[in-house]
Amino acid sequence: MKVIVLRLIVLFVLAALAAGCGGPATAVMAEPPAAVPTSTATPTSTPQPSPTAPPTETPIPTPTEIPLPTPTALTVKDPVIYAPGNILWKFQTAGPVWGTATLADGILYFGSDDKSLYAVDAGSGELKWQFETGDLVRSRPAIDGDAIYFTSDDGNLYSLDLNDGAELWRLDIGNAVLPRSPLRISWDYMQSSPAIDNGVVYVGSADTRLYAVDAASGEVVWKFSTHNKVRASPVVADGVVYFGSLDGSVYAVDIATGQEKWHFNPQLSQIQSMPTIADGRLFIGSRSTFLYSLDVSTGEMVWSASFNGSWVESTAAVYGEAIIVGSSDARSVYSFDRQTGKVLWITRLGNGYPWSTPAVDGDKVYIGSTDGYLHAIDARSGQEQWRMPTGESIYSSLGGIVASPIVADSLIYIGALDGYMYAVKITGD
């Protein structure tokens, strides 16, 4: 009997202890940490200053609303090996030549990272004059009458006498406000080039604005604020100036008032290329990895073409009913039907970045690349005809050609990162 009572007491105590501790413990498995996506090839975005007059919002269609070309349907042409073209002359500067030259009345005008703007005889390569600024000169000069206009990383827009390079005026447009980051961090390598219309100079700045400046006096007519640096060069057509910004938008601004007409923002991705306007369409590439065709009057998207993960840094060139444009990581040149966005051909250009703007001459297209070559391509088929090598770059982290070729009198003029301006005879076509 005592044994039974003791057993009952023990059971009662154990039950009480279990009730006081909340029951038996349950094992809890720790949740694994959330997977962190790996970074893409897109560089770190630059902090965006607040604009003084933010642009108005307009409804923007998304690229998915327009059918994209099917990448599997593309035909890739194999590049060919070609002996170097005939070099008529080459002119050496003391720094890489990033910017495109301007040719006028037999004189070639171009800038260099040695901080100078040069005037060189286009036939002989002899120096006419040299003007030194306080920093890099990468913009393409614009000419109006007897004056030439360009920008420098020292912050200024310059006006010089075309004949002797004497300074007429300079205007601080804030180009030095936000210095360039190291190249391979933000790929901030462009400099806005001036466009001139009816006595007014239009140019972008690192201070996030587009400036309209009186060409004669250097006085500011108006300035339009964006949300990031304006490295892209503007285009003026029918009373409107069009340009892109590193804030990811394409803007259309009334040149009479400085007021926005429309803007298009393709996925908040930086734009460094210049708009190309033809037959009521505006074509522009973006780091969103698309090329866009927009209605020039409204900014509405007509079509978009995917570059399959590659930035579109090049400015498009018109060839008949096609547009031809370079890329970046795709390392290729593309030809599209202007009306539909259908891909006509793609040509791979070695292992460099074809950021250069194509130059179309007849049925040939010429384009530079950071692979170190100037390439000649059949504009109809995409078949590479020949390539000409440049020298070793004196700019340590990148070589080859970023500037765009210009063609005149059976010669190609092209600047390269080896510090030379080349005059190349068109042969071997």
Foldseek 3Di string as FASTA:
>chain_A
DVVVVVVVVVVVVVVVVCVVVVHDDDDDDDDDDDDDDDDDLAFDADQWDDWPDEADDDDADAQVVFDAADPVPADEAEADAFEAFFFQDKEFDPFFFAAAWDDDPQWIWGWGQVQKIWIARNRRRHTQEIDGDDGGWHAYWDDDDQWIWGDGLVQWIWIAGNRYRHTPDIDRPCQVVDDDDPCSRNVPDAAEYWDDDPQWIWTWHQVQKIFTARNNPRHTPDIEGYGGGFRAYWDDDDQWIWGFAQQQKIWIAGPVPRHTPDIHHHPRFGFHYYWDDDDQWIWGWTQVQKIFIARNNRRHTPHIYHNPNWGFLEYWDDDPQWIWGFTAQSQWIWIARNRRRHTDHIYHDPGWGQNEYWDDDPQWIWTKTQVQWIWIAGNNRRHTQHIHGDDAAPPPPTWIFNYYWDDDPQWIWGTIRNRMITTGGDDRD
